[in-house]
Amino acid sequence: ACFIIVPLELRVNPAPVVGPMTPLLACNAPVEDGFHTFDLRDKDTEALAGASPSDFTVTYYRDQADAENAENAVSYIFTIEQPFEQTLYVRVENNETGCFSIAELLLKVEERVYAFPPLSSEFCETDYENDGTTTVDLTVMDNAIIGTQIVQGLGVRYYRSNGTPIGDPSNAVVSEGEVIIAEVYNEDDVTMLCTATVEIVISLKDAPVVLPLVDGVVCY
């Protein structure tokens, strides 16, 4: 039998990196029927994970089979078809190689929460040094920051102005004029994602100065 042998070059192209994807969230007031119209392009940058949008195409689908076959892509302006949440599938495809990756994207509609400025953010110096820095209990502001809302089970987290969490807000070291960020979140239901923040400027009052007694005598 006649035959010929020729080299065959095999090339394996890498699949694109996609995401990780965080939920696309709508915090509505009031939440009403749980439907919302999203702009899915808001998630393109996250889906590309730093890759150039000129080299990849991002599309969205109702189910994984459509995403794998690149069929029936949904419009970028998309109204969820199930109340409160719906999962879509995002496909990132390399325009040159045709290789693609798929990830889930959760669309979620929740009731909006609020963070109200407290009536007072003034504290007394507790170390009696009156040096503009002291330890305070920030949680005394929780009720004022949460106020009265439709959503129940809310809590407050506190952060420095650079975003660093304050681990124990009941025993926080603060300074005069320092800006603290309070974030209201759903403490009872971790699946609820809507939050709200408010900036608080700390004001410190000097502690009373105790003068030494003269000859140990107190006059009444």
C-alpha atoms as a PDB file:
ATOM      1  CA  ALA A   1       0.000   0.000   0.000  1.00  0.00           C
ATOM      2  CA  CYS A   2       1.211   3.468  -0.780  1.00  0.00           C
ATOM      3  CA  PHE A   3       1.344   6.047   1.971  1.00  0.00           C
ATOM      4  CA  ILE A   4       3.090   9.221   2.957  1.00  0.00           C
ATOM      5  CA  ILE A   5       3.896  10.607   6.379  1.00  0.00           C
ATOM      6  CA  VAL A   6       3.751  14.335   6.993  1.00  0.00           C
ATOM      7  CA  PRO A   7       4.109  16.320  10.218  1.00  0.00           C
ATOM      8  CA  LEU A   8       0.886  17.547  11.811  1.00  0.00           C
ATOM      9  CA  GLU A   9       1.107  20.558  14.064  1.00  0.00           C
ATOM     10  CA  LEU A  10      -1.334  20.555  16.974  1.00  0.00           C
ATOM     11  CA  ARG A  11      -2.009  23.862  18.635  1.00  0.00           C
ATOM     12  CA  VAL A  12      -3.838  24.184  21.940  1.00  0.00           C
ATOM     13  CA  ASN A  13      -5.215  27.632  22.602  1.00  0.00           C
ATOM     14  CA  PRO A  14      -6.008  28.558  26.189  1.00  0.00           C
ATOM     15  CA  ALA A  15      -9.573  29.235  27.220  1.00  0.00           C
ATOM     16  CA  PRO A  16     -10.211  32.842  28.252  1.00  0.00           C
ATOM     17  CA  VAL A  17     -10.394  33.773  31.886  1.00  0.00           C
ATOM     18  CA  VAL A  18     -13.876  34.895  32.910  1.00  0.00           C
ATOM     19  CA  GLY A  19     -14.745  36.698  36.124  1.00  0.00           C
ATOM     20  CA  PRO A  20     -15.084  35.812  38.930  1.00  0.00           C
ATOM     21  CA  MET A  21     -18.539  37.299  38.664  1.00  0.00           C
ATOM     22  CA  THR A  22     -20.247  39.084  41.542  1.00  0.00           C
ATOM     23  CA  PRO A  23     -24.043  39.583  41.578  1.00  0.00           C
ATOM     24  CA  LEU A  24     -25.543  42.413  39.546  1.00  0.00           C
ATOM     25  CA  LEU A  25     -27.631  44.094  42.202  1.00  0.00           C
ATOM     26  CA  ALA A  26     -30.582  46.473  42.130  1.00  0.00           C
ATOM     27  CA  CYS A  27     -31.560  48.105  45.420  1.00  0.00           C
ATOM     28  CA  ASN A  28     -34.999  49.564  44.817  1.00  0.00           C
ATOM     29  CA  ALA A  29     -37.286  51.754  46.908  1.00  0.00           C
ATOM     30  CA  PRO A  30     -39.829  50.335  47.111  1.00  0.00           C
ATOM     31  CA  VAL A  31     -38.966  46.910  45.764  1.00  0.00           C
ATOM     32  CA  GLU A  32     -42.597  46.464  44.524  1.00  0.00           C
ATOM     33  CA  ASP A  33     -42.951  43.352  42.341  1.00  0.00           C
ATOM     34  CA  GLY A  34     -39.294  42.289  42.337  1.00  0.00           C
ATOM     35  CA  PHE A  35     -38.663  43.028  38.653  1.00  0.00           C
ATOM     36  CA  HIS A  36     -35.954  45.342  37.355  1.00  0.00           C
ATOM     37  CA  THR A  37     -34.289  46.228  34.064  1.00  0.00           C
ATOM     38  CA  PHE A  38     -30.512  45.789  34.124  1.00  0.00           C
ATOM     39  CA  ASP A  39     -27.767  46.930  31.762  1.00  0.00           C
ATOM     40  CA  LEU A  40     -25.688  43.760  31.485  1.00  0.00           C
ATOM     41  CA  ARG A  41     -22.805  45.725  29.992  1.00  0.00           C
ATOM     42  CA  ASP A  42     -22.138  46.917  33.507  1.00  0.00           C
ATOM     43  CA  LYS A  43     -20.571  43.476  34.061  1.00  0.00           C
ATOM     44  CA  ASP A  44     -18.453  43.328  30.890  1.00  0.00           C
ATOM     45  CA  THR A  45     -15.314  44.629  32.614  1.00  0.00           C
ATOM     46  CA  GLU A  46     -15.650  42.114  35.425  1.00  0.00           C
ATOM     47  CA  ALA A  47     -16.236  39.272  32.942  1.00  0.00           C
ATOM     48  CA  LEU A  48     -13.119  40.195  30.940  1.00  0.00           C
ATOM     49  CA  ALA A  49     -10.942  40.027  34.070  1.00  0.00           C
ATOM     50  CA  GLY A  50      -8.499  42.607  32.727  1.00  0.00           C
ATOM     51  CA  ALA A  51      -8.465  41.412  29.120  1.00  0.00           C
ATOM     52  CA  SER A  52      -8.945  43.862  26.253  1.00  0.00           C
ATOM     53  CA  PRO A  53     -12.556  44.232  25.044  1.00  0.00           C
ATOM     54  CA  SER A  54     -11.216  44.555  21.510  1.00  0.00           C
ATOM     55  CA  ASP A  55      -9.882  40.973  21.672  1.00  0.00           C
ATOM     56  CA  PHE A  56     -12.886  39.280  23.287  1.00  0.00           C
ATOM     57  CA  THR A  57     -16.653  39.274  22.933  1.00  0.00           C
ATOM     58  CA  VAL A  58     -18.917  39.144  26.002  1.00  0.00           C
ATOM     59  CA  THR A  59     -22.477  37.824  25.610  1.00  0.00           C
ATOM     60  CA  TYR A  60     -25.182  36.743  28.056  1.00  0.00           C
ATOM     61  CA  TYR A  61     -27.638  33.823  27.957  1.00  0.00           C
ATOM     62  CA  ARG A  62     -30.569  32.391  29.898  1.00  0.00           C
ATOM     63  CA  ASP A  63     -29.083  28.899  30.208  1.00  0.00           C
ATOM     64  CA  GLN A  64     -25.751  27.165  29.936  1.00  0.00           C
ATOM     65  CA  ALA A  65     -26.638  25.185  26.806  1.00  0.00           C
ATOM     66  CA  ASP A  66     -27.345  28.383  24.876  1.00  0.00           C
ATOM     67  CA  ALA A  67     -24.115  29.886  26.183  1.00  0.00           C
ATOM     68  CA  GLU A  68     -22.091  26.869  25.044  1.00  0.00           C
ATOM     69  CA  ASN A  69     -23.689  26.962  21.584  1.00  0.00           C
ATOM     70  CA  ALA A  70     -23.682  30.779  21.342  1.00  0.00           C
ATOM     71  CA  GLU A  71     -27.420  30.744  20.610  1.00  0.00           C
ATOM     72  CA  ASN A  72     -30.257  33.002  21.774  1.00  0.00           C
ATOM     73  CA  ALA A  73     -28.156  35.640  23.490  1.00  0.00           C
ATOM     74  CA  VAL A  74     -30.258  38.038  25.545  1.00  0.00           C
ATOM     75  CA  SER A  75     -30.298  41.782  25.015  1.00  0.00           C
ATOM     76  CA  TYR A  76     -27.789  43.829  26.993  1.00  0.00           C
ATOM     77  CA  ILE A  77     -30.767  45.773  28.339  1.00  0.00           C
ATOM     78  CA  PHE A  78     -32.469  42.924  30.163  1.00  0.00           C
ATOM     79  CA  THR A  79     -35.522  42.789  32.435  1.00  0.00           C
ATOM     80  CA  ILE A  80     -35.411  39.791  34.724  1.00  0.00           C
ATOM     81  CA  GLU A  81     -38.135  37.259  34.010  1.00  0.00           C
ATOM     82  CA  GLN A  82     -38.378  35.867  37.527  1.00  0.00           C
ATOM     83  CA  PRO A  83     -39.109  38.114  40.517  1.00  0.00           C
ATOM     84  CA  PHE A  84     -36.231  39.118  42.787  1.00  0.00           C
ATOM     85  CA  GLU A  85     -33.463  37.025  41.234  1.00  0.00           C
ATOM     86  CA  GLN A  86     -32.445  35.179  38.088  1.00  0.00           C
ATOM     87  CA  THR A  87     -29.244  33.449  37.012  1.00  0.00           C
ATOM     88  CA  LEU A  88     -27.776  34.181  33.579  1.00  0.00           C
ATOM     89  CA  TYR A  89     -24.681  32.769  31.915  1.00  0.00           C
ATOM     90  CA  VAL A  90     -21.922  34.998  30.614  1.00  0.00           C
ATOM     91  CA  ARG A  91     -19.758  33.822  27.719  1.00  0.00           C
ATOM     92  CA  VAL A  92     -16.337  35.342  27.017  1.00  0.00           C
ATOM     93  CA  GLU A  93     -14.996  34.367  23.584  1.00  0.00           C
ATOM     94  CA  ASN A  94     -11.582  35.013  22.076  1.00  0.00           C
ATOM     95  CA  ASN A  95     -12.228  36.744  18.756  1.00  0.00           C
ATOM     96  CA  GLU A  96      -9.133  35.182  17.147  1.00  0.00           C
ATOM     97  CA  THR A  97      -9.245  31.572  18.336  1.00  0.00           C
ATOM     98  CA  GLY A  98     -12.950  31.096  19.071  1.00  0.00           C
ATOM     99  CA  CYS A  99     -12.109  29.606  22.455  1.00  0.00           C
ATOM    100  CA  PHE A 100     -14.547  30.588  25.174  1.00  0.00           C
ATOM    101  CA  SER A 101     -15.340  30.304  28.871  1.00  0.00           C
ATOM    102  CA  ILE A 102     -18.660  30.527  30.698  1.00  0.00           C
ATOM    103  CA  ALA A 103     -19.614  31.678  34.180  1.00  0.00           C
ATOM    104  CA  GLU A 104     -22.839  32.205  36.100  1.00  0.00           C
ATOM    105  CA  LEU A 105     -24.111  35.722  36.798  1.00  0.00           C
ATOM    106  CA  LEU A 106     -26.761  36.320  39.440  1.00  0.00           C
ATOM    107  CA  LEU A 107     -29.199  39.199  38.923  1.00  0.00           C
ATOM    108  CA  LYS A 108     -30.770  40.218  42.231  1.00  0.00           C
ATOM    109  CA  VAL A 109     -33.438  42.753  43.233  1.00  0.00           C
ATOM    110  CA  GLU A 110     -33.747  43.826  46.873  1.00  0.00           C
ATOM    111  CA  GLU A 111     -35.372  46.476  49.017  1.00  0.00           C
ATOM    112  CA  ARG A 112     -33.110  49.479  49.439  1.00  0.00           C
ATOM    113  CA  VAL A 113     -31.583  50.139  52.838  1.00  0.00           C
ATOM    114  CA  TYR A 114     -30.442  53.505  54.159  1.00  0.00           C
ATOM    115  CA  ALA A 115     -27.743  54.859  56.450  1.00  0.00           C
ATOM    116  CA  PHE A 116     -28.797  58.005  58.293  1.00  0.00           C
ATOM    117  CA  PRO A 117     -26.382  60.505  59.859  1.00  0.00           C
ATOM    118  CA  PRO A 118     -26.634  60.339  63.659  1.00  0.00           C
ATOM    119  CA  LEU A 119     -27.835  63.434  65.503  1.00  0.00           C
ATOM    120  CA  SER A 120     -24.585  63.482  67.440  1.00  0.00           C
ATOM    121  CA  SER A 121     -21.131  62.015  66.916  1.00  0.00           C
ATOM    122  CA  GLU A 122     -19.644  63.783  69.927  1.00  0.00           C
ATOM    123  CA  PHE A 123     -17.836  61.748  72.556  1.00  0.00           C
ATOM    124  CA  CYS A 124     -16.034  62.542  75.795  1.00  0.00           C
ATOM    125  CA  GLU A 125     -12.349  61.844  76.169  1.00  0.00           C
ATOM    126  CA  THR A 126     -12.224  58.759  78.374  1.00  0.00           C
ATOM    127  CA  ASP A 127      -8.527  58.661  79.163  1.00  0.00           C
ATOM    128  CA  TYR A 128      -8.507  62.128  80.821  1.00  0.00           C
ATOM    129  CA  GLU A 129      -5.466  63.137  78.798  1.00  0.00           C
ATOM    130  CA  ASN A 130      -7.362  65.518  76.503  1.00  0.00           C
ATOM    131  CA  ASP A 131      -4.899  64.875  73.695  1.00  0.00           C
ATOM    132  CA  GLY A 132      -7.460  64.505  70.888  1.00  0.00           C
ATOM    133  CA  THR A 133      -7.353  60.696  70.840  1.00  0.00           C
ATOM    134  CA  THR A 134      -9.418  58.350  72.982  1.00  0.00           C
ATOM    135  CA  THR A 135     -11.380  55.095  73.085  1.00  0.00           C
ATOM    136  CA  VAL A 136     -15.126  55.299  72.425  1.00  0.00           C
ATOM    137  CA  ASP A 137     -18.140  53.051  71.865  1.00  0.00           C
ATOM    138  CA  LEU A 138     -19.294  53.714  68.294  1.00  0.00           C
ATOM    139  CA  THR A 139     -22.214  51.309  68.636  1.00  0.00           C
ATOM    140  CA  VAL A 140     -24.171  53.899  70.627  1.00  0.00           C
ATOM    141  CA  MET A 141     -24.886  55.445  67.194  1.00  0.00           C
ATOM    142  CA  ASP A 142     -26.295  52.233  65.664  1.00  0.00           C
ATOM    143  CA  ASN A 143     -29.979  52.918  66.291  1.00  0.00           C
ATOM    144  CA  ALA A 144     -29.773  56.456  64.925  1.00  0.00           C
ATOM    145  CA  ILE A 145     -27.886  55.321  61.820  1.00  0.00           C
ATOM    146  CA  ILE A 146     -30.391  52.531  61.076  1.00  0.00           C
ATOM    147  CA  GLY A 147     -33.461  54.608  61.932  1.00  0.00           C
ATOM    148  CA  THR A 148     -36.878  53.287  60.846  1.00  0.00           C
ATOM    149  CA  GLN A 149     -36.819  51.175  57.683  1.00  0.00           C
ATOM    150  CA  ILE A 150     -38.892  48.579  55.836  1.00  0.00           C
ATOM    151  CA  VAL A 151     -36.040  46.073  55.975  1.00  0.00           C
ATOM    152  CA  GLN A 152     -35.622  44.436  59.368  1.00  0.00           C
ATOM    153  CA  GLY A 153     -32.641  42.719  60.998  1.00  0.00           C
ATOM    154  CA  LEU A 154     -30.156  45.447  60.067  1.00  0.00           C
ATOM    155  CA  GLY A 155     -26.771  46.035  61.667  1.00  0.00           C
ATOM    156  CA  VAL A 156     -23.956  48.566  61.367  1.00  0.00           C
ATOM    157  CA  ARG A 157     -20.304  48.010  60.476  1.00  0.00           C
ATOM    158  CA  TYR A 158     -17.697  50.723  60.915  1.00  0.00           C
ATOM    159  CA  TYR A 159     -14.628  51.501  58.814  1.00  0.00           C
ATOM    160  CA  ARG A 160     -11.764  53.970  58.798  1.00  0.00           C
ATOM    161  CA  SER A 161     -11.816  56.499  55.980  1.00  0.00           C
ATOM    162  CA  ASN A 162      -9.387  54.281  54.023  1.00  0.00           C
ATOM    163  CA  GLY A 163     -11.811  51.343  54.198  1.00  0.00           C
ATOM    164  CA  THR A 164     -10.075  49.443  57.004  1.00  0.00           C
ATOM    165  CA  PRO A 165     -12.706  47.666  59.155  1.00  0.00           C
ATOM    166  CA  ILE A 166     -12.924  48.632  62.818  1.00  0.00           C
ATOM    167  CA  GLY A 167     -12.874  45.207  64.425  1.00  0.00           C
ATOM    168  CA  ASP A 168     -14.472  46.123  67.755  1.00  0.00           C
ATOM    169  CA  PRO A 169     -16.554  49.285  67.325  1.00  0.00           C
ATOM    170  CA  SER A 170     -17.538  49.167  71.000  1.00  0.00           C
ATOM    171  CA  ASN A 171     -13.903  49.797  71.910  1.00  0.00           C
ATOM    172  CA  ALA A 172     -12.553  51.910  69.050  1.00  0.00           C
ATOM    173  CA  VAL A 173      -9.644  54.333  69.246  1.00  0.00           C
ATOM    174  CA  VAL A 174     -10.597  57.534  67.413  1.00  0.00           C
ATOM    175  CA  SER A 175      -9.231  61.044  66.993  1.00  0.00           C
ATOM    176  CA  GLU A 176     -10.773  64.508  66.960  1.00  0.00           C
ATOM    177  CA  GLY A 177     -12.099  65.293  63.462  1.00  0.00           C
ATOM    178  CA  GLU A 178     -11.571  61.747  62.194  1.00  0.00           C
ATOM    179  CA  VAL A 179     -13.958  60.588  59.461  1.00  0.00           C
ATOM    180  CA  ILE A 180     -15.557  57.215  60.155  1.00  0.00           C
ATOM    181  CA  ILE A 181     -17.679  55.326  57.616  1.00  0.00           C
ATOM    182  CA  ALA A 182     -20.762  53.516  58.920  1.00  0.00           C
ATOM    183  CA  GLU A 183     -22.265  50.812  56.702  1.00  0.00           C
ATOM    184  CA  VAL A 184     -25.800  49.511  57.233  1.00  0.00           C
ATOM    185  CA  TYR A 185     -26.248  45.880  56.162  1.00  0.00           C
ATOM    186  CA  ASN A 186     -28.615  42.966  56.728  1.00  0.00           C
ATOM    187  CA  GLU A 187     -27.261  41.254  59.814  1.00  0.00           C
ATOM    188  CA  ASP A 188     -29.925  38.548  60.025  1.00  0.00           C
ATOM    189  CA  ASP A 189     -29.932  37.407  56.371  1.00  0.00           C
ATOM    190  CA  VAL A 190     -26.491  37.104  54.774  1.00  0.00           C
ATOM    191  CA  THR A 191     -28.072  36.463  51.365  1.00  0.00           C
ATOM    192  CA  MET A 192     -29.312  40.063  51.284  1.00  0.00           C
ATOM    193  CA  LEU A 193     -26.637  42.186  49.622  1.00  0.00           C
ATOM    194  CA  CYS A 194     -27.908  45.788  49.609  1.00  0.00           C
ATOM    195  CA  THR A 195     -25.997  48.116  51.907  1.00  0.00           C
ATOM    196  CA  ALA A 196     -25.759  51.854  52.523  1.00  0.00           C
ATOM    197  CA  THR A 197     -23.042  54.056  54.001  1.00  0.00           C
ATOM    198  CA  VAL A 198     -22.764  57.406  55.715  1.00  0.00           C
ATOM    199  CA  GLU A 199     -19.683  59.397  56.719  1.00  0.00           C
ATOM    200  CA  ILE A 200     -19.418  60.512  60.340  1.00  0.00           C
ATOM    201  CA  VAL A 201     -17.019  63.133  61.678  1.00  0.00           C
ATOM    202  CA  ILE A 202     -15.888  62.370  65.209  1.00  0.00           C
ATOM    203  CA  SER A 203     -15.941  65.205  67.745  1.00  0.00           C
ATOM    204  CA  LEU A 204     -14.229  64.825  71.117  1.00  0.00           C
ATOM    205  CA  LYS A 205     -14.984  66.805  74.253  1.00  0.00           C
ATOM    206  CA  ASP A 206     -12.274  67.357  76.824  1.00  0.00           C
ATOM    207  CA  ALA A 207     -12.684  65.460  80.066  1.00  0.00           C
ATOM    208  CA  PRO A 208     -12.900  67.523  83.270  1.00  0.00           C
ATOM    209  CA  VAL A 209      -9.546  68.489  84.699  1.00  0.00           C
ATOM    210  CA  VAL A 210      -9.119  67.380  88.327  1.00  0.00           C
ATOM    211  CA  LEU A 211      -6.858  69.836  90.147  1.00  0.00           C
ATOM    212  CA  PRO A 212      -4.740  68.714  93.110  1.00  0.00           C
ATOM    213  CA  LEU A 213      -6.183  69.501  96.532  1.00  0.00           C
ATOM    214  CA  VAL A 214      -4.463  72.279  98.465  1.00  0.00           C
ATOM    215  CA  ASP A 215      -3.230  70.835 101.760  1.00  0.00           C
ATOM    216  CA  GLY A 216      -5.754  68.047 101.321  1.00  0.00           C
ATOM    217  CA  VAL A 217      -8.589  70.322 102.418  1.00  0.00           C
ATOM    218  CA  VAL A 218     -11.969  70.450 100.713  1.00  0.00           C
ATOM    219  CA  CYS A 219     -14.296  73.340 101.543  1.00  0.00           C
ATOM    220  CA  TYR A 220     -18.083  72.925 101.258  1.00  0.00           C
END
